[in-house]
N, C-alpha and C. Protein backbone atom coordinates (compact mmCIF):
# COMPACT_ATOMS: atom_id res chain seq x y z
N MET A 1 26.89 -23.74 -0.22
CA MET A 1 25.92 -22.69 -0.49
C MET A 1 25.29 -22.95 -1.85
N ALA A 2 23.98 -22.82 -1.88
CA ALA A 2 23.26 -22.99 -3.13
C ALA A 2 22.73 -21.64 -3.61
N THR A 3 22.64 -21.49 -4.93
CA THR A 3 22.05 -20.30 -5.52
C THR A 3 20.62 -20.63 -5.92
N LEU A 4 19.68 -19.91 -5.35
CA LEU A 4 18.26 -20.09 -5.66
C LEU A 4 17.90 -19.29 -6.89
N THR A 5 17.09 -19.86 -7.75
CA THR A 5 16.57 -19.15 -8.91
C THR A 5 15.17 -18.67 -8.58
N ALA A 6 14.96 -17.36 -8.69
CA ALA A 6 13.65 -16.79 -8.36
C ALA A 6 12.59 -17.24 -9.36
N GLN A 7 11.43 -17.56 -8.82
CA GLN A 7 10.29 -18.03 -9.61
C GLN A 7 9.24 -16.92 -9.70
N LYS A 8 8.69 -16.74 -10.90
CA LYS A 8 7.72 -15.67 -11.13
C LYS A 8 6.34 -16.02 -10.56
N VAL A 9 5.76 -15.08 -9.82
CA VAL A 9 4.40 -15.21 -9.33
C VAL A 9 3.51 -14.39 -10.26
N THR A 10 2.56 -15.03 -10.90
CA THR A 10 1.69 -14.36 -11.86
C THR A 10 0.29 -14.20 -11.29
N ASP A 11 -0.54 -13.46 -12.01
CA ASP A 11 -1.91 -13.25 -11.54
C ASP A 11 -2.75 -14.52 -11.61
N THR A 12 -2.30 -15.52 -12.33
CA THR A 12 -3.03 -16.79 -12.39
C THR A 12 -2.57 -17.75 -11.31
N GLY A 13 -1.55 -17.36 -10.55
CA GLY A 13 -1.08 -18.19 -9.44
C GLY A 13 0.18 -18.95 -9.78
N THR A 14 0.90 -19.30 -8.75
CA THR A 14 2.15 -20.04 -8.89
C THR A 14 2.25 -21.05 -7.76
N ILE A 15 2.62 -22.26 -8.09
CA ILE A 15 2.94 -23.25 -7.07
C ILE A 15 4.46 -23.24 -6.95
N ALA A 16 4.95 -22.77 -5.82
CA ALA A 16 6.39 -22.63 -5.62
C ALA A 16 7.07 -23.98 -5.59
N THR A 17 8.18 -24.08 -6.30
CA THR A 17 9.03 -25.26 -6.21
C THR A 17 10.01 -25.01 -5.07
N MET A 18 9.87 -25.77 -4.01
CA MET A 18 10.67 -25.56 -2.82
C MET A 18 12.00 -26.31 -2.94
N ALA A 19 13.04 -25.73 -2.34
CA ALA A 19 14.35 -26.37 -2.27
C ALA A 19 14.68 -26.56 -0.79
N SER A 20 15.46 -27.57 -0.49
CA SER A 20 15.93 -27.74 0.88
C SER A 20 16.93 -26.65 1.19
N ALA A 21 16.78 -26.01 2.35
CA ALA A 21 17.75 -25.00 2.77
C ALA A 21 19.11 -25.68 2.93
N THR A 22 20.17 -24.98 2.55
CA THR A 22 21.51 -25.53 2.55
C THR A 22 22.24 -25.16 3.83
N GLY A 23 22.93 -26.12 4.43
CA GLY A 23 23.63 -25.90 5.69
C GLY A 23 24.59 -24.73 5.67
N GLY A 24 25.27 -24.51 4.55
CA GLY A 24 26.20 -23.40 4.43
C GLY A 24 25.54 -22.09 4.04
N GLY A 25 24.23 -22.09 3.91
CA GLY A 25 23.49 -20.89 3.52
C GLY A 25 23.10 -20.94 2.06
N ASP A 26 22.28 -19.99 1.66
CA ASP A 26 21.81 -19.87 0.29
C ASP A 26 21.95 -18.42 -0.16
N GLU A 27 21.79 -18.21 -1.47
CA GLU A 27 21.85 -16.87 -2.04
C GLU A 27 20.93 -16.81 -3.25
N PHE A 28 20.59 -15.59 -3.67
CA PHE A 28 19.82 -15.42 -4.90
C PHE A 28 20.14 -14.06 -5.49
N LEU A 29 20.01 -13.96 -6.81
CA LEU A 29 20.20 -12.71 -7.53
C LEU A 29 19.04 -11.78 -7.21
N ASN A 30 19.34 -10.56 -6.78
CA ASN A 30 18.32 -9.65 -6.29
C ASN A 30 18.17 -8.42 -7.17
N THR A 31 16.97 -8.24 -7.71
CA THR A 31 16.65 -7.04 -8.48
C THR A 31 15.82 -6.05 -7.66
N GLY A 32 15.50 -6.42 -6.43
CA GLY A 32 14.67 -5.60 -5.57
C GLY A 32 13.21 -6.02 -5.57
N LEU A 33 12.85 -6.98 -6.43
CA LEU A 33 11.47 -7.46 -6.52
C LEU A 33 11.28 -8.82 -5.83
N GLU A 34 12.38 -9.46 -5.46
CA GLU A 34 12.32 -10.82 -4.93
C GLU A 34 11.97 -10.85 -3.45
N PHE A 35 11.34 -11.93 -3.07
CA PHE A 35 11.08 -12.21 -1.66
C PHE A 35 11.27 -13.70 -1.44
N LEU A 36 11.35 -14.11 -0.19
CA LEU A 36 11.62 -15.50 0.16
C LEU A 36 10.41 -16.11 0.84
N PHE A 37 10.17 -17.38 0.54
CA PHE A 37 9.10 -18.16 1.17
C PHE A 37 9.76 -19.36 1.84
N PHE A 38 9.50 -19.52 3.14
CA PHE A 38 10.07 -20.62 3.91
C PHE A 38 8.97 -21.51 4.47
N GLN A 39 9.24 -22.81 4.52
CA GLN A 39 8.38 -23.79 5.17
C GLN A 39 9.23 -24.58 6.15
N ASN A 40 8.85 -24.57 7.42
CA ASN A 40 9.52 -25.40 8.42
C ASN A 40 8.65 -26.62 8.65
N GLU A 41 9.05 -27.74 8.10
CA GLU A 41 8.26 -28.96 8.22
C GLU A 41 8.66 -29.82 9.41
N HIS A 42 9.54 -29.30 10.27
CA HIS A 42 9.96 -30.06 11.44
C HIS A 42 8.83 -30.09 12.47
N ALA A 43 8.69 -31.21 13.17
CA ALA A 43 7.61 -31.36 14.14
C ALA A 43 7.81 -30.54 15.41
N SER A 44 9.07 -30.24 15.76
CA SER A 44 9.28 -29.54 17.03
C SER A 44 10.37 -28.45 17.01
N ASN A 45 11.25 -28.43 16.02
CA ASN A 45 12.35 -27.46 16.00
C ASN A 45 11.96 -26.14 15.35
N SER A 46 12.36 -25.06 15.99
CA SER A 46 12.31 -23.73 15.39
C SER A 46 13.68 -23.41 14.82
N TYR A 47 13.72 -22.58 13.78
CA TYR A 47 14.99 -22.19 13.17
C TYR A 47 15.04 -20.67 13.06
N VAL A 48 16.26 -20.14 13.10
CA VAL A 48 16.46 -18.71 12.90
C VAL A 48 17.02 -18.50 11.50
N ILE A 49 16.35 -17.65 10.73
CA ILE A 49 16.77 -17.30 9.38
C ILE A 49 17.39 -15.91 9.45
N THR A 50 18.58 -15.75 8.87
CA THR A 50 19.23 -14.44 8.84
C THR A 50 19.52 -14.04 7.41
N VAL A 51 19.02 -12.87 7.01
CA VAL A 51 19.33 -12.28 5.72
C VAL A 51 20.30 -11.15 6.01
N THR A 52 21.50 -11.25 5.44
CA THR A 52 22.60 -10.36 5.81
C THR A 52 22.55 -9.03 5.06
N ALA A 53 22.54 -7.95 5.84
CA ALA A 53 22.66 -6.61 5.25
C ALA A 53 24.13 -6.39 4.91
N GLN A 54 24.40 -6.02 3.67
CA GLN A 54 25.78 -5.79 3.22
C GLN A 54 26.24 -4.37 3.51
N VAL A 55 25.31 -3.43 3.51
CA VAL A 55 25.60 -2.03 3.81
C VAL A 55 24.66 -1.64 4.95
N THR A 56 25.23 -1.27 6.07
CA THR A 56 24.37 -0.98 7.22
C THR A 56 24.04 0.50 7.38
N ASN A 57 24.82 1.39 6.79
CA ASN A 57 24.53 2.82 6.84
C ASN A 57 24.31 3.33 5.43
N ILE A 58 23.10 3.71 5.12
CA ILE A 58 22.74 4.17 3.79
C ILE A 58 22.32 5.63 3.87
N HIS A 59 22.87 6.47 3.00
CA HIS A 59 22.48 7.87 2.98
C HIS A 59 21.20 8.03 2.15
N HIS A 60 20.21 8.65 2.75
CA HIS A 60 18.95 8.94 2.08
C HIS A 60 18.83 10.45 1.95
N GLN A 61 18.46 10.94 0.75
CA GLN A 61 18.44 12.38 0.51
C GLN A 61 17.47 13.13 1.42
N ASN A 62 16.39 12.50 1.85
CA ASN A 62 15.42 13.18 2.69
C ASN A 62 15.58 12.91 4.18
N PHE A 63 16.17 11.76 4.53
CA PHE A 63 16.22 11.35 5.92
C PHE A 63 17.63 11.27 6.50
N GLY A 64 18.66 11.59 5.71
CA GLY A 64 20.03 11.48 6.20
C GLY A 64 20.49 10.04 6.19
N THR A 65 21.27 9.65 7.18
CA THR A 65 21.79 8.29 7.25
C THR A 65 20.74 7.36 7.85
N VAL A 66 20.44 6.31 7.13
CA VAL A 66 19.49 5.30 7.58
C VAL A 66 20.28 4.04 7.91
N VAL A 67 20.05 3.47 9.09
CA VAL A 67 20.73 2.25 9.50
C VAL A 67 19.89 1.05 9.09
N LYS A 68 20.52 0.13 8.37
CA LYS A 68 19.85 -1.09 7.94
C LYS A 68 20.52 -2.26 8.65
N GLU A 69 19.77 -3.08 9.32
CA GLU A 69 20.31 -4.23 10.04
C GLU A 69 19.96 -5.52 9.32
N ASN A 70 20.66 -6.59 9.71
CA ASN A 70 20.30 -7.92 9.22
C ASN A 70 18.84 -8.18 9.54
N ILE A 71 18.19 -8.92 8.67
CA ILE A 71 16.83 -9.38 8.96
C ILE A 71 16.99 -10.73 9.66
N VAL A 72 16.44 -10.83 10.85
CA VAL A 72 16.52 -12.06 11.64
C VAL A 72 15.09 -12.48 11.98
N LYS A 73 14.71 -13.67 11.54
CA LYS A 73 13.34 -14.14 11.72
C LYS A 73 13.36 -15.57 12.24
N THR A 74 12.62 -15.83 13.30
CA THR A 74 12.46 -17.19 13.81
C THR A 74 11.23 -17.81 13.18
N ILE A 75 11.41 -19.01 12.65
CA ILE A 75 10.29 -19.75 12.08
C ILE A 75 10.04 -20.97 12.96
N THR A 76 8.88 -21.02 13.57
CA THR A 76 8.56 -22.10 14.49
C THR A 76 8.20 -23.38 13.74
N ALA A 77 8.19 -24.48 14.49
CA ALA A 77 7.87 -25.79 13.91
C ALA A 77 6.52 -25.74 13.21
N GLY A 78 6.47 -26.25 11.98
CA GLY A 78 5.24 -26.32 11.22
C GLY A 78 4.78 -25.02 10.58
N ALA A 79 5.56 -23.96 10.73
CA ALA A 79 5.14 -22.64 10.23
C ALA A 79 5.68 -22.36 8.83
N GLU A 80 5.08 -21.36 8.21
CA GLU A 80 5.54 -20.82 6.93
C GLU A 80 5.72 -19.33 7.11
N VAL A 81 6.68 -18.75 6.38
CA VAL A 81 6.92 -17.31 6.51
C VAL A 81 7.42 -16.75 5.18
N PHE A 82 7.04 -15.51 4.90
CA PHE A 82 7.55 -14.75 3.77
C PHE A 82 8.45 -13.65 4.32
N ILE A 83 9.57 -13.39 3.64
CA ILE A 83 10.48 -12.29 4.01
C ILE A 83 10.85 -11.55 2.73
N GLY A 84 10.86 -10.23 2.78
CA GLY A 84 11.28 -9.43 1.64
C GLY A 84 10.15 -8.55 1.16
N PRO A 85 10.34 -7.82 0.08
CA PRO A 85 11.51 -7.77 -0.80
C PRO A 85 12.69 -7.07 -0.13
N PHE A 86 13.84 -7.06 -0.81
CA PHE A 86 15.10 -6.63 -0.24
C PHE A 86 15.67 -5.46 -1.03
N LYS A 87 15.90 -4.33 -0.36
CA LYS A 87 16.48 -3.16 -1.00
C LYS A 87 17.88 -3.50 -1.50
N GLN A 88 18.12 -3.26 -2.77
CA GLN A 88 19.41 -3.60 -3.37
C GLN A 88 20.57 -2.88 -2.68
N ALA A 89 20.40 -1.61 -2.35
CA ALA A 89 21.48 -0.83 -1.75
C ALA A 89 21.92 -1.39 -0.40
N ALA A 90 21.04 -2.06 0.30
CA ALA A 90 21.36 -2.58 1.62
C ALA A 90 21.75 -4.06 1.60
N PHE A 91 21.11 -4.87 0.76
CA PHE A 91 21.27 -6.31 0.86
C PHE A 91 22.09 -6.97 -0.24
N ASN A 92 22.31 -6.29 -1.36
CA ASN A 92 23.08 -6.92 -2.44
C ASN A 92 24.58 -6.93 -2.11
N ASP A 93 25.21 -8.10 -2.35
CA ASP A 93 26.66 -8.15 -2.24
C ASP A 93 27.27 -7.68 -3.56
N THR A 94 28.56 -7.83 -3.74
CA THR A 94 29.22 -7.34 -4.95
C THR A 94 28.79 -8.09 -6.21
N ASN A 95 28.17 -9.26 -6.04
CA ASN A 95 27.65 -10.04 -7.17
C ASN A 95 26.14 -9.85 -7.35
N HIS A 96 25.56 -8.85 -6.68
CA HIS A 96 24.13 -8.52 -6.74
C HIS A 96 23.27 -9.63 -6.15
N LYS A 97 23.83 -10.37 -5.21
CA LYS A 97 23.10 -11.46 -4.57
C LYS A 97 22.85 -11.15 -3.10
N VAL A 98 21.78 -11.74 -2.59
CA VAL A 98 21.43 -11.65 -1.17
C VAL A 98 21.87 -12.95 -0.51
N GLN A 99 22.49 -12.82 0.68
CA GLN A 99 23.01 -13.96 1.41
C GLN A 99 22.08 -14.32 2.57
N ILE A 100 21.79 -15.64 2.70
CA ILE A 100 20.88 -16.14 3.72
C ILE A 100 21.60 -17.23 4.50
N THR A 101 21.49 -17.20 5.83
CA THR A 101 22.02 -18.28 6.65
C THR A 101 20.93 -18.78 7.59
N TYR A 102 21.15 -19.98 8.14
CA TYR A 102 20.15 -20.64 8.97
C TYR A 102 20.80 -21.22 10.22
N SER A 103 20.03 -21.27 11.31
CA SER A 103 20.52 -21.91 12.53
C SER A 103 20.44 -23.43 12.43
N GLY A 104 19.64 -23.93 11.51
CA GLY A 104 19.48 -25.36 11.23
C GLY A 104 18.71 -25.51 9.95
N VAL A 105 18.81 -26.69 9.33
CA VAL A 105 18.15 -26.84 8.02
C VAL A 105 17.33 -28.12 7.87
N THR A 106 17.28 -28.94 8.91
CA THR A 106 16.52 -30.19 8.80
C THR A 106 15.05 -29.89 8.54
N THR A 107 14.55 -30.32 7.42
CA THR A 107 13.17 -30.11 6.96
C THR A 107 12.78 -28.62 6.80
N LEU A 108 13.78 -27.77 6.57
CA LEU A 108 13.52 -26.36 6.27
C LEU A 108 13.62 -26.17 4.77
N ASN A 109 12.54 -25.67 4.16
CA ASN A 109 12.49 -25.48 2.72
C ASN A 109 12.38 -24.00 2.38
N VAL A 110 12.91 -23.65 1.21
CA VAL A 110 12.94 -22.24 0.80
C VAL A 110 12.66 -22.11 -0.68
N ALA A 111 12.04 -21.01 -1.07
CA ALA A 111 11.87 -20.65 -2.48
C ALA A 111 12.05 -19.14 -2.58
N ALA A 112 12.75 -18.71 -3.62
CA ALA A 112 12.84 -17.29 -3.96
C ALA A 112 11.77 -17.02 -5.01
N LEU A 113 11.01 -15.97 -4.82
CA LEU A 113 9.91 -15.63 -5.71
C LEU A 113 9.98 -14.17 -6.07
N TYR A 114 9.36 -13.80 -7.20
CA TYR A 114 9.24 -12.39 -7.53
C TYR A 114 7.90 -12.16 -8.22
N LEU A 115 7.40 -10.93 -8.13
CA LEU A 115 6.10 -10.59 -8.71
C LEU A 115 6.24 -10.23 -10.17
N ASP A 116 5.33 -10.75 -10.97
CA ASP A 116 5.26 -10.40 -12.39
C ASP A 116 4.81 -8.95 -12.48
N GLN A 117 5.61 -8.10 -13.09
CA GLN A 117 5.34 -6.66 -13.15
C GLN A 117 4.56 -6.26 -14.41
N GLN A 118 4.10 -7.20 -15.18
CA GLN A 118 3.38 -6.86 -16.41
C GLN A 118 1.89 -6.79 -16.19
């Protein structure tokens, strides 16, 4: 498992530095502002990306109990996808990280990004 370092997206633009997705999964420190960018560069394989919800039943003061499920997204061959941001109460583990797993990783690239709030 690799730990991704989130890259700041500014108003002048950012070229994401992509990392190869890791077979054992990846993680990143989550402040609630981060999102993930994936590139599937495989010519024919689709992959399933799973972002694990750590808490599935969250109490909301206005809506009662809200059920949060894992985020499961299929990325087809040659496609790019953004996922997130991730609510800390649902997706952060005890180390404040979000856990990501993949059905395959050959030519699957990932970057964690966050928006500049200034």
